[in-house]
Amino acid sequence: MEIVALSLRVSGSALLISTVIGIPIGAFLGLRRFVGRPFVMALLYTAMGFPPVVVGLLVYLLLSRNGPLGQIESAWIPRLFTPEAMILAQSVIAVPLVAGFTMAAVLGVDPQLQQQIKSLGATRWQEMATTLSEARVGVIIAIVAALGRIAAEVGAVMLVGGNIDGRTRVLTTAVVLETRKGNFELAIALGIILIGIAFVVNTTMLVLQRQVSK
């Protein structure tokens, strides 16, 4: 139960952070034209394909004692081998996914709608909110895709979390550990729990998607 609770806490917090950050970024890139936009979009698409273990390594180097953030004494900066460091790593993985899929959804909205919104004198925030409402199904898909990516992630959380029993052990890292120990029954049980959680979450998202698409 502790492992399940920590898994939900880490992935849920990372998903919330990535949603708050990623959706505005995706909407901005989808709506605005500016110098260097193609380059920024290329960086975003590249970040969407980053191997999680590479993200974990980068976060580890940032938070390590000799890293740029590890030397700063602040309650806002997470430390290695803590749930907060795992949340940071998963957020870095999820933000490009949410932003990229949101941008694609916004780009798919009829341009005439945006012109009509502007002609009515809407502010930029009103334009963004209206466009996101029109692209809401794609935004939900972005959130689901990000959740699926981070919920099944192993490498990054193991690097920055350390898989410490009672402190940073989550479902994915526990499955790896028990498999290495030869405890296949427990590993399979934990895997079934992980799949069950993903099924419940994705089913809920599917129901929500159907509701908002009506």
C-alpha atoms as a PDB file:
ATOM      1  CA  MET A   1       0.000   0.000   0.000  1.00  0.00           C
ATOM      2  CA  GLU A   2       2.886   2.365   0.709  1.00  0.00           C
ATOM      3  CA  ILE A   3       4.343   1.661  -2.728  1.00  0.00           C
ATOM      4  CA  VAL A   4       0.981   2.215  -4.426  1.00  0.00           C
ATOM      5  CA  ALA A   5       0.350   5.425  -2.478  1.00  0.00           C
ATOM      6  CA  LEU A   6       3.792   6.823  -3.328  1.00  0.00           C
ATOM      7  CA  SER A   7       3.354   5.874  -6.987  1.00  0.00           C
ATOM      8  CA  LEU A   8       0.049   7.755  -7.142  1.00  0.00           C
ATOM      9  CA  ARG A   9       1.535  10.735  -5.340  1.00  0.00           C
ATOM     10  CA  VAL A  10       4.596  11.004  -7.584  1.00  0.00           C
ATOM     11  CA  SER A  11       2.834  10.437 -10.905  1.00  0.00           C
ATOM     12  CA  GLY A  12      -0.201  12.519  -9.918  1.00  0.00           C
ATOM     13  CA  SER A  13       1.921  15.471  -8.819  1.00  0.00           C
ATOM     14  CA  ALA A  14       4.065  15.276 -11.959  1.00  0.00           C
ATOM     15  CA  LEU A  15       0.955  15.133 -14.144  1.00  0.00           C
ATOM     16  CA  LEU A  16      -0.551  18.175 -12.419  1.00  0.00           C
ATOM     17  CA  ILE A  17       2.664  20.178 -12.822  1.00  0.00           C
ATOM     18  CA  SER A  18       3.103  19.180 -16.466  1.00  0.00           C
ATOM     19  CA  THR A  19      -0.533  20.028 -17.220  1.00  0.00           C
ATOM     20  CA  VAL A  20      -0.279  23.492 -15.672  1.00  0.00           C
ATOM     21  CA  ILE A  21       2.958  24.217 -17.545  1.00  0.00           C
ATOM     22  CA  GLY A  22       2.501  22.255 -20.762  1.00  0.00           C
ATOM     23  CA  ILE A  23      -0.990  23.329 -21.840  1.00  0.00           C
ATOM     24  CA  PRO A  24      -0.225  27.096 -21.915  1.00  0.00           C
ATOM     25  CA  ILE A  25       3.061  26.429 -23.758  1.00  0.00           C
ATOM     26  CA  GLY A  26       1.320  24.253 -26.336  1.00  0.00           C
ATOM     27  CA  ALA A  27      -1.496  26.760 -26.801  1.00  0.00           C
ATOM     28  CA  PHE A  28       0.974  29.633 -27.211  1.00  0.00           C
ATOM     29  CA  LEU A  29       3.011  27.777 -29.843  1.00  0.00           C
ATOM     30  CA  GLY A  30      -0.156  26.779 -31.661  1.00  0.00           C
ATOM     31  CA  LEU A  31      -1.625  30.294 -31.752  1.00  0.00           C
ATOM     32  CA  ARG A  32       1.309  32.657 -32.063  1.00  0.00           C
ATOM     33  CA  ARG A  33       3.707  33.267 -34.932  1.00  0.00           C
ATOM     34  CA  PHE A  34       7.124  34.638 -34.027  1.00  0.00           C
ATOM     35  CA  VAL A  35      10.743  34.545 -35.157  1.00  0.00           C
ATOM     36  CA  GLY A  36      12.338  31.243 -34.270  1.00  0.00           C
ATOM     37  CA  ARG A  37       9.029  29.406 -33.825  1.00  0.00           C
ATOM     38  CA  PRO A  38      10.025  26.493 -36.113  1.00  0.00           C
ATOM     39  CA  PHE A  39      13.219  26.053 -34.102  1.00  0.00           C
ATOM     40  CA  VAL A  40      11.284  26.035 -30.809  1.00  0.00           C
ATOM     41  CA  MET A  41       8.842  23.508 -32.241  1.00  0.00           C
ATOM     42  CA  ALA A  42      11.737  21.311 -33.356  1.00  0.00           C
ATOM     43  CA  LEU A  43      13.172  21.453 -29.830  1.00  0.00           C
ATOM     44  CA  LEU A  44       9.786  20.522 -28.402  1.00  0.00           C
ATOM     45  CA  TYR A  45       9.412  17.523 -30.711  1.00  0.00           C
ATOM     46  CA  THR A  46      12.939  16.442 -29.828  1.00  0.00           C
ATOM     47  CA  ALA A  47      12.162  16.700 -26.110  1.00  0.00           C
ATOM     48  CA  MET A  48       9.060  14.544 -26.599  1.00  0.00           C
ATOM     49  CA  GLY A  49      11.334  11.689 -27.684  1.00  0.00           C
ATOM     50  CA  PHE A  50      13.950  12.033 -24.950  1.00  0.00           C
ATOM     51  CA  PRO A  51      14.772   8.667 -23.331  1.00  0.00           C
ATOM     52  CA  PRO A  52      13.601   8.846 -19.694  1.00  0.00           C
ATOM     53  CA  VAL A  53      16.945   7.581 -18.427  1.00  0.00           C
ATOM     54  CA  VAL A  54      18.658  10.569 -20.101  1.00  0.00           C
ATOM     55  CA  VAL A  55      16.201  12.918 -18.392  1.00  0.00           C
ATOM     56  CA  GLY A  56      16.962  11.178 -15.105  1.00  0.00           C
ATOM     57  CA  LEU A  57      20.682  11.659 -15.666  1.00  0.00           C
ATOM     58  CA  LEU A  58      20.241  15.374 -16.386  1.00  0.00           C
ATOM     59  CA  VAL A  59      18.109  15.879 -13.289  1.00  0.00           C
ATOM     60  CA  TYR A  60      20.612  13.875 -11.235  1.00  0.00           C
ATOM     61  CA  LEU A  61      23.476  16.104 -12.408  1.00  0.00           C
ATOM     62  CA  LEU A  62      21.448  19.236 -11.660  1.00  0.00           C
ATOM     63  CA  LEU A  63      20.571  18.147  -8.124  1.00  0.00           C
ATOM     64  CA  SER A  64      23.831  16.439  -7.201  1.00  0.00           C
ATOM     65  CA  ARG A  65      26.055  18.041  -4.592  1.00  0.00           C
ATOM     66  CA  ASN A  66      28.395  19.412  -7.262  1.00  0.00           C
ATOM     67  CA  GLY A  67      25.538  20.405  -9.579  1.00  0.00           C
ATOM     68  CA  PRO A  68      24.215  23.947 -10.085  1.00  0.00           C
ATOM     69  CA  LEU A  69      21.091  23.367  -7.993  1.00  0.00           C
ATOM     70  CA  GLY A  70      22.634  21.042  -5.438  1.00  0.00           C
ATOM     71  CA  GLN A  71      24.778  23.857  -4.054  1.00  0.00           C
ATOM     72  CA  ILE A  72      21.772  26.079  -3.346  1.00  0.00           C
ATOM     73  CA  GLU A  73      20.168  25.755   0.081  1.00  0.00           C
ATOM     74  CA  SER A  74      16.462  26.251  -0.524  1.00  0.00           C
ATOM     75  CA  ALA A  75      13.285  24.469   0.496  1.00  0.00           C
ATOM     76  CA  TRP A  76      12.013  24.906  -3.063  1.00  0.00           C
ATOM     77  CA  ILE A  77      14.811  22.819  -4.594  1.00  0.00           C
ATOM     78  CA  PRO A  78      14.334  19.051  -4.218  1.00  0.00           C
ATOM     79  CA  ARG A  79      17.131  16.784  -3.062  1.00  0.00           C
ATOM     80  CA  LEU A  80      18.272  13.551  -4.610  1.00  0.00           C
ATOM     81  CA  PHE A  81      16.725  10.304  -3.399  1.00  0.00           C
ATOM     82  CA  THR A  82      13.480  11.970  -2.355  1.00  0.00           C
ATOM     83  CA  PRO A  83       9.966  11.790  -3.825  1.00  0.00           C
ATOM     84  CA  GLU A  84      10.288  15.453  -4.804  1.00  0.00           C
ATOM     85  CA  ALA A  85      13.262  14.666  -7.060  1.00  0.00           C
ATOM     86  CA  MET A  86      11.228  11.890  -8.676  1.00  0.00           C
ATOM     87  CA  ILE A  87       8.337  14.299  -9.252  1.00  0.00           C
ATOM     88  CA  LEU A  88      10.742  16.757 -10.903  1.00  0.00           C
ATOM     89  CA  ALA A  89      12.143  14.079 -13.218  1.00  0.00           C
ATOM     90  CA  GLN A  90       8.704  12.868 -14.257  1.00  0.00           C
ATOM     91  CA  SER A  91       7.542  16.451 -14.804  1.00  0.00           C
ATOM     92  CA  VAL A  92      10.462  17.094 -17.151  1.00  0.00           C
ATOM     93  CA  ILE A  93       9.445  13.987 -19.093  1.00  0.00           C
ATOM     94  CA  ALA A  94       5.749  14.890 -19.227  1.00  0.00           C
ATOM     95  CA  VAL A  95       5.823  18.634 -19.999  1.00  0.00           C
ATOM     96  CA  PRO A  96       7.012  18.237 -23.629  1.00  0.00           C
ATOM     97  CA  LEU A  97       4.353  15.586 -24.244  1.00  0.00           C
ATOM     98  CA  VAL A  98       1.517  17.735 -22.906  1.00  0.00           C
ATOM     99  CA  ALA A  99       2.808  20.804 -24.735  1.00  0.00           C
ATOM    100  CA  GLY A 100       3.397  18.964 -28.015  1.00  0.00           C
ATOM    101  CA  PHE A 101       0.019  17.244 -28.184  1.00  0.00           C
ATOM    102  CA  THR A 102      -1.749  20.422 -27.057  1.00  0.00           C
ATOM    103  CA  MET A 103       0.010  22.387 -29.787  1.00  0.00           C
ATOM    104  CA  ALA A 104      -1.065  19.805 -32.379  1.00  0.00           C
ATOM    105  CA  ALA A 105      -4.661  20.002 -31.134  1.00  0.00           C
ATOM    106  CA  VAL A 106      -4.663  23.806 -31.307  1.00  0.00           C
ATOM    107  CA  LEU A 107      -3.184  23.765 -34.812  1.00  0.00           C
ATOM    108  CA  GLY A 108      -6.052  21.502 -35.842  1.00  0.00           C
ATOM    109  CA  VAL A 109      -8.695  24.087 -34.883  1.00  0.00           C
ATOM    110  CA  ASP A 110     -10.345  25.850 -37.817  1.00  0.00           C
ATOM    111  CA  PRO A 111      -8.383  29.091 -38.489  1.00  0.00           C
ATOM    112  CA  GLN A 112     -11.642  30.872 -39.290  1.00  0.00           C
ATOM    113  CA  LEU A 113     -12.691  30.425 -35.664  1.00  0.00           C
ATOM    114  CA  GLN A 114      -9.588  32.259 -34.492  1.00  0.00           C
ATOM    115  CA  GLN A 115     -10.210  35.077 -36.967  1.00  0.00           C
ATOM    116  CA  GLN A 116     -13.801  35.357 -35.766  1.00  0.00           C
ATOM    117  CA  ILE A 117     -12.660  35.506 -32.137  1.00  0.00           C
ATOM    118  CA  LYS A 118     -10.198  38.290 -32.950  1.00  0.00           C
ATOM    119  CA  SER A 119     -12.808  40.231 -34.902  1.00  0.00           C
ATOM    120  CA  LEU A 120     -15.048  40.239 -31.840  1.00  0.00           C
ATOM    121  CA  GLY A 121     -12.331  42.010 -29.879  1.00  0.00           C
ATOM    122  CA  ALA A 122     -11.302  39.115 -27.650  1.00  0.00           C
ATOM    123  CA  THR A 123      -8.135  39.424 -25.610  1.00  0.00           C
ATOM    124  CA  ARG A 124      -5.273  36.967 -26.068  1.00  0.00           C
ATOM    125  CA  TRP A 125      -6.334  35.056 -22.958  1.00  0.00           C
ATOM    126  CA  GLN A 126      -9.908  34.834 -24.213  1.00  0.00           C
ATOM    127  CA  GLU A 127      -8.666  33.666 -27.603  1.00  0.00           C
ATOM    128  CA  MET A 128      -6.513  30.992 -25.963  1.00  0.00           C
ATOM    129  CA  ALA A 129      -9.329  29.825 -23.693  1.00  0.00           C
ATOM    130  CA  THR A 130     -11.820  29.586 -26.562  1.00  0.00           C
ATOM    131  CA  THR A 131      -9.376  27.722 -28.794  1.00  0.00           C
ATOM    132  CA  LEU A 132      -8.477  25.286 -26.016  1.00  0.00           C
ATOM    133  CA  SER A 133     -12.166  24.674 -25.428  1.00  0.00           C
ATOM    134  CA  GLU A 134     -12.567  23.829 -29.107  1.00  0.00           C
ATOM    135  CA  ALA A 135      -9.507  21.555 -28.955  1.00  0.00           C
ATOM    136  CA  ARG A 136     -10.448  20.007 -25.599  1.00  0.00           C
ATOM    137  CA  VAL A 137     -10.487  16.401 -26.851  1.00  0.00           C
ATOM    138  CA  GLY A 138      -6.904  16.740 -28.067  1.00  0.00           C
ATOM    139  CA  VAL A 139      -5.894  18.326 -24.756  1.00  0.00           C
ATOM    140  CA  ILE A 140      -7.332  15.368 -22.852  1.00  0.00           C
ATOM    141  CA  ILE A 141      -5.411  13.009 -25.124  1.00  0.00           C
ATOM    142  CA  ALA A 142      -2.261  14.996 -24.300  1.00  0.00           C
ATOM    143  CA  ILE A 143      -2.842  14.492 -20.579  1.00  0.00           C
ATOM    144  CA  VAL A 144      -3.541  10.770 -21.019  1.00  0.00           C
ATOM    145  CA  ALA A 145      -0.401  10.314 -23.118  1.00  0.00           C
ATOM    146  CA  ALA A 146       1.710  12.053 -20.497  1.00  0.00           C
ATOM    147  CA  LEU A 147       0.230   9.965 -17.700  1.00  0.00           C
ATOM    148  CA  GLY A 148       0.898   6.752 -19.593  1.00  0.00           C
ATOM    149  CA  ARG A 149       4.496   7.768 -20.169  1.00  0.00           C
ATOM    150  CA  ILE A 150       5.345   8.684 -16.591  1.00  0.00           C
ATOM    151  CA  ALA A 151       3.324   5.934 -14.890  1.00  0.00           C
ATOM    152  CA  ALA A 152       5.342   3.264 -16.700  1.00  0.00           C
ATOM    153  CA  GLU A 153       8.686   5.045 -16.331  1.00  0.00           C
ATOM    154  CA  VAL A 154      11.561   3.299 -14.537  1.00  0.00           C
ATOM    155  CA  GLY A 155      14.970   4.700 -15.436  1.00  0.00           C
ATOM    156  CA  ALA A 156      14.573   8.325 -14.372  1.00  0.00           C
ATOM    157  CA  VAL A 157      12.891   7.651 -11.015  1.00  0.00           C
ATOM    158  CA  MET A 158      15.436   4.971 -10.184  1.00  0.00           C
ATOM    159  CA  LEU A 159      18.324   7.334 -10.915  1.00  0.00           C
ATOM    160  CA  VAL A 160      17.068  10.282  -8.892  1.00  0.00           C
ATOM    161  CA  GLY A 161      15.065   8.322  -6.310  1.00  0.00           C
ATOM    162  CA  GLY A 162      17.372   5.434  -5.582  1.00  0.00           C
ATOM    163  CA  ASN A 163      14.546   2.884  -5.065  1.00  0.00           C
ATOM    164  CA  ILE A 164      14.839   3.178  -1.273  1.00  0.00           C
ATOM    165  CA  ASP A 165      12.452   0.938   0.631  1.00  0.00           C
ATOM    166  CA  GLY A 166       9.816   2.949   2.473  1.00  0.00           C
ATOM    167  CA  ARG A 167      10.956   6.248   0.949  1.00  0.00           C
ATOM    168  CA  THR A 168      11.266   6.272  -2.837  1.00  0.00           C
ATOM    169  CA  ARG A 169      10.164   2.830  -3.995  1.00  0.00           C
ATOM    170  CA  VAL A 170       7.313   2.985  -6.505  1.00  0.00           C
ATOM    171  CA  LEU A 171       5.513   0.280  -8.454  1.00  0.00           C
ATOM    172  CA  THR A 172       7.783   0.255 -11.495  1.00  0.00           C
ATOM    173  CA  THR A 173      11.034   0.158  -9.529  1.00  0.00           C
ATOM    174  CA  ALA A 174       9.587  -2.436  -7.147  1.00  0.00           C
ATOM    175  CA  VAL A 175       8.751  -4.692 -10.107  1.00  0.00           C
ATOM    176  CA  VAL A 176      12.349  -4.435 -11.341  1.00  0.00           C
ATOM    177  CA  LEU A 177      13.749  -5.160  -7.874  1.00  0.00           C
ATOM    178  CA  GLU A 178      11.536  -8.157  -7.150  1.00  0.00           C
ATOM    179  CA  THR A 179      12.245  -9.605 -10.587  1.00  0.00           C
ATOM    180  CA  ARG A 180      15.984  -9.370  -9.976  1.00  0.00           C
ATOM    181  CA  LYS A 181      15.507 -11.082  -6.604  1.00  0.00           C
ATOM    182  CA  GLY A 182      13.564 -13.888  -8.223  1.00  0.00           C
ATOM    183  CA  ASN A 183      10.292 -13.010  -6.475  1.00  0.00           C
ATOM    184  CA  PHE A 184       8.285 -13.388  -9.671  1.00  0.00           C
ATOM    185  CA  GLU A 185       4.941 -13.837  -7.907  1.00  0.00           C
ATOM    186  CA  LEU A 186       5.279 -10.496  -6.127  1.00  0.00           C
ATOM    187  CA  ALA A 187       6.620  -8.813  -9.269  1.00  0.00           C
ATOM    188  CA  ILE A 188       3.634 -10.070 -11.269  1.00  0.00           C
ATOM    189  CA  ALA A 189       1.232  -8.927  -8.536  1.00  0.00           C
ATOM    190  CA  LEU A 190       2.755  -5.436  -8.516  1.00  0.00           C
ATOM    191  CA  GLY A 191       2.611  -5.366 -12.309  1.00  0.00           C
ATOM    192  CA  ILE A 192      -1.081  -6.274 -12.250  1.00  0.00           C
ATOM    193  CA  ILE A 193      -1.729  -3.451  -9.771  1.00  0.00           C
ATOM    194  CA  LEU A 194       0.118  -1.009 -12.031  1.00  0.00           C
ATOM    195  CA  ILE A 195      -1.875  -2.134 -15.078  1.00  0.00           C
ATOM    196  CA  GLY A 196      -5.113  -1.914 -13.061  1.00  0.00           C
ATOM    197  CA  ILE A 197      -4.389   1.656 -11.989  1.00  0.00           C
ATOM    198  CA  ALA A 198      -3.583   2.628 -15.575  1.00  0.00           C
ATOM    199  CA  PHE A 199      -6.795   0.990 -16.786  1.00  0.00           C
ATOM    200  CA  VAL A 200      -8.940   2.824 -14.231  1.00  0.00           C
ATOM    201  CA  VAL A 201      -7.320   6.184 -14.976  1.00  0.00           C
ATOM    202  CA  ASN A 202      -7.533   5.764 -18.754  1.00  0.00           C
ATOM    203  CA  THR A 203     -11.151   4.583 -18.548  1.00  0.00           C
ATOM    204  CA  THR A 204     -12.002   7.670 -16.507  1.00  0.00           C
ATOM    205  CA  MET A 205     -10.262   9.867 -19.076  1.00  0.00           C
ATOM    206  CA  LEU A 206     -12.154   8.120 -21.889  1.00  0.00           C
ATOM    207  CA  VAL A 207     -15.489   8.783 -20.201  1.00  0.00           C
ATOM    208  CA  LEU A 208     -14.483  12.414 -19.665  1.00  0.00           C
ATOM    209  CA  GLN A 209     -13.419  12.672 -23.302  1.00  0.00           C
ATOM    210  CA  ARG A 210     -16.833  11.435 -24.462  1.00  0.00           C
ATOM    211  CA  GLN A 211     -18.584  13.896 -22.186  1.00  0.00           C
ATOM    212  CA  VAL A 212     -16.652  16.940 -23.373  1.00  0.00           C
ATOM    213  CA  SER A 213     -16.920  15.946 -27.057  1.00  0.00           C
ATOM    214  CA  LYS A 214     -20.738  16.042 -26.954  1.00  0.00           C
END
